[in-house]
């Protein structure tokens, strides 16, 4: 659905960053772990792709 948003949360722990991506409409969450040296944009892209994968696997596919 167009207009569905994603909330991102970044938590740094030592040399890693945990990034959670949460679909606003459904509350479905996916997270990744990456190095602190990675750009925030790259980490967001990876987290969003994983969220899309999880949504598709649950039959809640995103279309935006």
PDB file of N, CA and C in Angstrom:
ATOM      1  N   UNK A   1       0.833  -1.178   0.000  1.00  0.00           N
ATOM      2  CA  UNK A   1       0.000   0.000   0.000  1.00  0.00           C
ATOM      3  C   UNK A   1       0.877   1.241   0.000  1.00  0.00           C
ATOM      4  N   UNK A   2       0.640   2.158  -0.876  1.00  0.00           N
ATOM      5  CA  UNK A   2       1.402   3.397  -0.848  1.00  0.00           C
ATOM      6  C   UNK A   2       1.154   4.135   0.461  1.00  0.00           C
ATOM      7  N   UNK A   3       2.189   4.797   0.955  1.00  0.00           N
ATOM      8  CA  UNK A   3       2.048   5.566   2.174  1.00  0.00           C
ATOM      9  C   UNK A   3       2.391   4.812   3.443  1.00  0.00           C
ATOM     10  N   UNK A   4       2.637   3.512   3.335  1.00  0.00           N
ATOM     11  CA  UNK A   4       3.027   2.761   4.521  1.00  0.00           C
ATOM     12  C   UNK A   4       4.452   3.125   4.871  1.00  0.00           C
ATOM     13  N   UNK A   5       4.673   3.394   6.135  1.00  0.00           N
ATOM     14  CA  UNK A   5       5.994   3.815   6.562  1.00  0.00           C
ATOM     15  C   UNK A   5       6.745   2.741   7.315  1.00  0.00           C
ATOM     16  N   UNK A   6       8.021   3.007   7.465  1.00  0.00           N
ATOM     17  CA  UNK A   6       8.904   2.115   8.209  1.00  0.00           C
ATOM     18  C   UNK A   6       9.635   2.953   9.247  1.00  0.00           C
ATOM     19  N   UNK A   7       9.681   2.463  10.466  1.00  0.00           N
ATOM     20  CA  UNK A   7      10.420   3.113  11.538  1.00  0.00           C
ATOM     21  C   UNK A   7      11.737   2.367  11.701  1.00  0.00           C
ATOM     22  N   UNK A   8      12.842   3.115  11.765  1.00  0.00           N
ATOM     23  CA  UNK A   8      14.162   2.519  11.955  1.00  0.00           C
ATOM     24  C   UNK A   8      14.689   2.885  13.334  1.00  0.00           C
ATOM     25  N   UNK A   9      15.333   1.909  13.984  1.00  0.00           N
ATOM     26  CA  UNK A   9      15.960   2.136  15.278  1.00  0.00           C
ATOM     27  C   UNK A   9      17.405   1.648  15.196  1.00  0.00           C
ATOM     28  N   UNK A  10      18.339   2.494  15.593  1.00  0.00           N
ATOM     29  CA  UNK A  10      19.761   2.160  15.577  1.00  0.00           C
ATOM     30  C   UNK A  10      20.263   2.082  17.015  1.00  0.00           C
ATOM     31  N   UNK A  11      20.899   0.958  17.361  1.00  0.00           N
ATOM     32  CA  UNK A  11      21.476   0.779  18.688  1.00  0.00           C
ATOM     33  C   UNK A  11      22.922   0.342  18.507  1.00  0.00           C
ATOM     34  N   UNK A  12      23.838   1.176  18.997  1.00  0.00           N
ATOM     35  CA  UNK A  12      25.265   0.846  18.887  1.00  0.00           C
ATOM     36  C   UNK A  12      25.703   0.077  20.125  1.00  0.00           C
ATOM     37  N   UNK A  13      26.437  -0.999  19.876  1.00  0.00           N
ATOM     38  CA  UNK A  13      27.001  -1.803  20.954  1.00  0.00           C
ATOM     39  C   UNK A  13      28.433  -2.148  20.577  1.00  0.00           C
ATOM     40  N   UNK A  14      29.364  -1.394  21.100  1.00  0.00           N
ATOM     41  CA  UNK A  14      30.766  -1.624  20.766  1.00  0.00           C
ATOM     42  C   UNK A  14      31.030  -1.345  19.300  1.00  0.00           C
ATOM     43  N   UNK A  15      31.513  -2.355  18.591  1.00  0.00           N
ATOM     44  CA  UNK A  15      31.868  -2.200  17.180  1.00  0.00           C
ATOM     45  C   UNK A  15      30.749  -2.588  16.220  1.00  0.00           C
ATOM     46  N   UNK A  16      29.550  -2.826  16.751  1.00  0.00           N
ATOM     47  CA  UNK A  16      28.427  -3.197  15.887  1.00  0.00           C
ATOM     48  C   UNK A  16      27.256  -2.246  16.097  1.00  0.00           C
ATOM     49  N   UNK A  17      26.365  -2.242  15.113  1.00  0.00           N
ATOM     50  CA  UNK A  17      25.120  -1.483  15.202  1.00  0.00           C
ATOM     51  C   UNK A  17      23.984  -2.451  14.907  1.00  0.00           C
ATOM     52  N   UNK A  18      22.990  -2.467  15.776  1.00  0.00           N
ATOM     53  CA  UNK A  18      21.783  -3.269  15.546  1.00  0.00           C
ATOM     54  C   UNK A  18      20.737  -2.319  14.981  1.00  0.00           C
ATOM     55  N   UNK A  19      20.200  -2.672  13.813  1.00  0.00           N
ATOM     56  CA  UNK A  19      19.208  -1.831  13.153  1.00  0.00           C
ATOM     57  C   UNK A  19      17.899  -2.603  13.057  1.00  0.00           C
ATOM     58  N   UNK A  20      16.857  -2.035  13.637  1.00  0.00           N
ATOM     59  CA  UNK A  20      15.523  -2.625  13.548  1.00  0.00           C
ATOM     60  C   UNK A  20      14.705  -1.812  12.557  1.00  0.00           C
ATOM     61  N   UNK A  21      13.946  -2.499  11.718  1.00  0.00           N
ATOM     62  CA  UNK A  21      13.007  -1.864  10.795  1.00  0.00           C
ATOM     63  C   UNK A  21      11.623  -2.397  11.152  1.00  0.00           C
ATOM     64  N   UNK A  22      10.688  -1.481  11.437  1.00  0.00           N
ATOM     65  CA  UNK A  22       9.344  -1.867  11.861  1.00  0.00           C
ATOM     66  C   UNK A  22       8.326  -1.261  10.906  1.00  0.00           C
ATOM     67  N   UNK A  23       7.458  -2.103  10.365  1.00  0.00           N
ATOM     68  CA  UNK A  23       6.383  -1.632   9.499  1.00  0.00           C
ATOM     69  C   UNK A  23       5.321  -0.963  10.370  1.00  0.00           C
ATOM     70  N   UNK A  24       4.999   0.309  10.077  1.00  0.00           N
ATOM     71  CA  UNK A  24       4.048   1.053  10.903  1.00  0.00           C
ATOM     72  C   UNK A  24       2.650   0.448  10.893  1.00  0.00           C
ATOM     73  N   UNK A  25       2.224  -0.069   9.767  1.00  0.00           N
ATOM     74  CA  UNK A  25       0.849  -0.565   9.633  1.00  0.00           C
ATOM     75  C   UNK A  25       0.622  -1.894  10.344  1.00  0.00           C
ATOM     76  N   UNK A  26       1.615  -2.773  10.322  1.00  0.00           N
ATOM     77  CA  UNK A  26       1.427  -4.125  10.862  1.00  0.00           C
ATOM     78  C   UNK A  26       2.201  -4.397  12.143  1.00  0.00           C
ATOM     79  N   UNK A  27       3.244  -3.613  12.404  1.00  0.00           N
ATOM     80  CA  UNK A  27       4.083  -3.857  13.568  1.00  0.00           C
ATOM     81  C   UNK A  27       5.105  -4.957  13.355  1.00  0.00           C
ATOM     82  N   UNK A  28       5.182  -5.501  12.144  1.00  0.00           N
ATOM     83  CA  UNK A  28       6.163  -6.543  11.841  1.00  0.00           C
ATOM     84  C   UNK A  28       7.560  -5.928  11.908  1.00  0.00           C
ATOM     85  N   UNK A  29       8.479  -6.643  12.551  1.00  0.00           N
ATOM     86  CA  UNK A  29       9.832  -6.136  12.762  1.00  0.00           C
ATOM     87  C   UNK A  29      10.866  -7.084  12.172  1.00  0.00           C
ATOM     88  N   UNK A  30      11.912  -6.491  11.621  1.00  0.00           N
ATOM     89  CA  UNK A  30      13.080  -7.248  11.165  1.00  0.00           C
ATOM     90  C   UNK A  30      14.302  -6.466  11.616  1.00  0.00           C
ATOM     91  N   UNK A  31      15.390  -7.182  11.926  1.00  0.00           N
ATOM     92  CA  UNK A  31      16.587  -6.461  12.322  1.00  0.00           C
ATOM     93  C   UNK A  31      17.827  -7.100  11.736  1.00  0.00           C
ATOM     94  N   UNK A  32      18.837  -6.260  11.632  1.00  0.00           N
ATOM     95  CA  UNK A  32      20.137  -6.699  11.126  1.00  0.00           C
ATOM     96  C   UNK A  32      21.208  -6.198  12.081  1.00  0.00           C
ATOM     97  N   UNK A  33      22.390  -6.750  11.946  1.00  0.00           N
ATOM     98  CA  UNK A  33      23.555  -6.281  12.689  1.00  0.00           C
ATOM     99  C   UNK A  33      24.641  -5.972  11.674  1.00  0.00           C
ATOM    100  N   UNK A  34      25.270  -4.811  11.820  1.00  0.00           N
ATOM    101  CA  UNK A  34      26.329  -4.415  10.902  1.00  0.00           C
ATOM    102  C   UNK A  34      27.446  -3.701  11.633  1.00  0.00           C
ATOM    103  N   UNK A  35      28.537  -3.441  10.941  1.00  0.00           N
ATOM    104  CA  UNK A  35      29.663  -2.743  11.554  1.00  0.00           C
ATOM    105  C   UNK A  35      29.364  -1.252  11.711  1.00  0.00           C
ATOM    106  N   UNK A  36      29.938  -0.633  12.740  1.00  0.00           N
ATOM    107  CA  UNK A  36      29.728   0.803  12.932  1.00  0.00           C
ATOM    108  C   UNK A  36      30.330   1.613  11.793  1.00  0.00           C
ATOM    109  N   UNK A  37      31.245   1.021  11.048  1.00  0.00           N
ATOM    110  CA  UNK A  37      31.877   1.728   9.929  1.00  0.00           C
ATOM    111  C   UNK A  37      30.967   1.831   8.705  1.00  0.00           C
ATOM    112  N   UNK A  38      29.883   1.053   8.668  1.00  0.00           N
ATOM    113  CA  UNK A  38      28.950   1.104   7.534  1.00  0.00           C
ATOM    114  C   UNK A  38      28.132   2.390   7.607  1.00  0.00           C
ATOM    115  N   UNK A  39      27.736   2.896   6.453  1.00  0.00           N
ATOM    116  CA  UNK A  39      26.939   4.125   6.442  1.00  0.00           C
ATOM    117  C   UNK A  39      25.520   3.828   6.927  1.00  0.00           C
ATOM    118  N   UNK A  40      24.903   4.845   7.513  1.00  0.00           N
ATOM    119  CA  UNK A  40      23.536   4.692   8.000  1.00  0.00           C
ATOM    120  C   UNK A  40      22.595   4.359   6.844  1.00  0.00           C
ATOM    121  N   UNK A  41      22.828   4.956   5.686  1.00  0.00           N
ATOM    122  CA  UNK A  41      21.983   4.690   4.512  1.00  0.00           C
ATOM    123  C   UNK A  41      22.074   3.228   4.091  1.00  0.00           C
ATOM    124  N   UNK A  42      23.288   2.669   4.085  1.00  0.00           N
ATOM    125  CA  UNK A  42      23.458   1.258   3.713  1.00  0.00           C
ATOM    126  C   UNK A  42      22.761   0.332   4.707  1.00  0.00           C
ATOM    127  N   UNK A  43      22.896   0.641   5.995  1.00  0.00           N
ATOM    128  CA  UNK A  43      22.259  -0.186   7.015  1.00  0.00           C
ATOM    129  C   UNK A  43      20.734  -0.110   6.909  1.00  0.00           C
ATOM    130  N   UNK A  44      20.203   1.085   6.625  1.00  0.00           N
ATOM    131  CA  UNK A  44      18.756   1.235   6.454  1.00  0.00           C
ATOM    132  C   UNK A  44      18.264   0.430   5.255  1.00  0.00           C
ATOM    133  N   UNK A  45      19.033   0.474   4.168  1.00  0.00           N
ATOM    134  CA  UNK A  45      18.656  -0.275   2.965  1.00  0.00           C
ATOM    135  C   UNK A  45      18.599  -1.767   3.259  1.00  0.00           C
ATOM    136  N   UNK A  46      19.610  -2.285   3.942  1.00  0.00           N
ATOM    137  CA  UNK A  46      19.633  -3.713   4.275  1.00  0.00           C
ATOM    138  C   UNK A  46      18.480  -4.094   5.203  1.00  0.00           C
ATOM    139  N   UNK A  47      18.224  -3.254   6.206  1.00  0.00           N
ATOM    140  CA  UNK A  47      17.133  -3.541   7.134  1.00  0.00           C
ATOM    141  C   UNK A  47      15.785  -3.501   6.416  1.00  0.00           C
ATOM    142  N   UNK A  48      15.618  -2.550   5.509  1.00  0.00           N
ATOM    143  CA  UNK A  48      14.357  -2.445   4.749  1.00  0.00           C
ATOM    144  C   UNK A  48      14.165  -3.667   3.851  1.00  0.00           C
ATOM    145  N   UNK A  49      15.243  -4.120   3.212  1.00  0.00           N
ATOM    146  CA  UNK A  49      15.150  -5.316   2.366  1.00  0.00           C
ATOM    147  C   UNK A  49      14.768  -6.544   3.190  1.00  0.00           C
ATOM    148  N   UNK A  50      15.351  -6.658   4.372  1.00  0.00           N
ATOM    149  CA  UNK A  50      15.010  -7.798   5.220  1.00  0.00           C
ATOM    150  C   UNK A  50      13.557  -7.700   5.679  1.00  0.00           C
ATOM    151  N   UNK A  51      13.094  -6.498   6.004  1.00  0.00           N
ATOM    152  CA  UNK A  51      11.693  -6.322   6.381  1.00  0.00           C
ATOM    153  C   UNK A  51      10.774  -6.717   5.228  1.00  0.00           C
ATOM    154  N   UNK A  52      11.113  -6.299   4.023  1.00  0.00           N
ATOM    155  CA  UNK A  52      10.318  -6.682   2.852  1.00  0.00           C
ATOM    156  C   UNK A  52      10.265  -8.201   2.704  1.00  0.00           C
ATOM    157  N   UNK A  53      11.397  -8.861   2.918  1.00  0.00           N
ATOM    158  CA  UNK A  53      11.469 -10.322   2.842  1.00  0.00           C
ATOM    159  C   UNK A  53      10.565 -10.969   3.894  1.00  0.00           C
ATOM    160  N   UNK A  54      10.646 -10.482   5.123  1.00  0.00           N
ATOM    161  CA  UNK A  54       9.836 -11.034   6.211  1.00  0.00           C
ATOM    162  C   UNK A  54       8.351 -10.817   5.931  1.00  0.00           C
ATOM    163  N   UNK A  55       8.005  -9.630   5.450  1.00  0.00           N
ATOM    164  CA  UNK A  55       6.601  -9.328   5.137  1.00  0.00           C
ATOM    165  C   UNK A  55       6.086 -10.259   4.039  1.00  0.00           C
ATOM    166  N   UNK A  56       6.904 -10.462   3.009  1.00  0.00           N
ATOM    167  CA  UNK A  56       6.500 -11.342   1.908  1.00  0.00           C
ATOM    168  C   UNK A  56       6.325 -12.771   2.407  1.00  0.00           C
ATOM    169  N   UNK A  57       7.250 -13.220   3.247  1.00  0.00           N
ATOM    170  CA  UNK A  57       7.188 -14.578   3.781  1.00  0.00           C
ATOM    171  C   UNK A  57       5.925 -14.792   4.619  1.00  0.00           C
ATOM    172  N   UNK A  58       5.471 -13.740   5.300  1.00  0.00           N
ATOM    173  CA  UNK A  58       4.261 -13.826   6.119  1.00  0.00           C
ATOM    174  C   UNK A  58       2.992 -13.552   5.323  1.00  0.00           C
ATOM    175  N   UNK A  59       3.145 -13.304   4.018  1.00  0.00           N
ATOM    176  CA  UNK A  59       1.981 -13.034   3.182  1.00  0.00           C
ATOM    177  C   UNK A  59       1.446 -11.629   3.322  1.00  0.00           C
ATOM    178  N   UNK A  60       2.279 -10.725   3.787  1.00  0.00           N
ATOM    179  CA  UNK A  60       1.893  -9.331   3.990  1.00  0.00           C
ATOM    180  C   UNK A  60       2.680  -8.418   3.068  1.00  0.00           C
ATOM    181  N   UNK A  61       2.957  -8.873   1.863  1.00  0.00           N
ATOM    182  CA  UNK A  61       3.839  -8.171   0.936  1.00  0.00           C
ATOM    183  C   UNK A  61       3.626  -6.684   0.854  1.00  0.00           C
ATOM    184  N   UNK A  62       4.716  -5.967   0.746  1.00  0.00           N
ATOM    185  CA  UNK A  62       4.693  -4.506   0.611  1.00  0.00           C
ATOM    186  C   UNK A  62       4.658  -4.155  -0.864  1.00  0.00           C
ATOM    187  N   UNK A  63       3.969  -3.086  -1.204  1.00  0.00           N
ATOM    188  CA  UNK A  63       3.909  -2.669  -2.603  1.00  0.00           C
ATOM    189  C   UNK A  63       4.416  -1.254  -2.803  1.00  0.00           C
ATOM    190  N   UNK A  64       5.061  -0.647  -1.785  1.00  0.00           N
ATOM    191  CA  UNK A  64       5.575   0.710  -1.967  1.00  0.00           C
ATOM    192  C   UNK A  64       7.063   0.732  -2.109  1.00  0.00           C
TER     193      UNK A  64
END
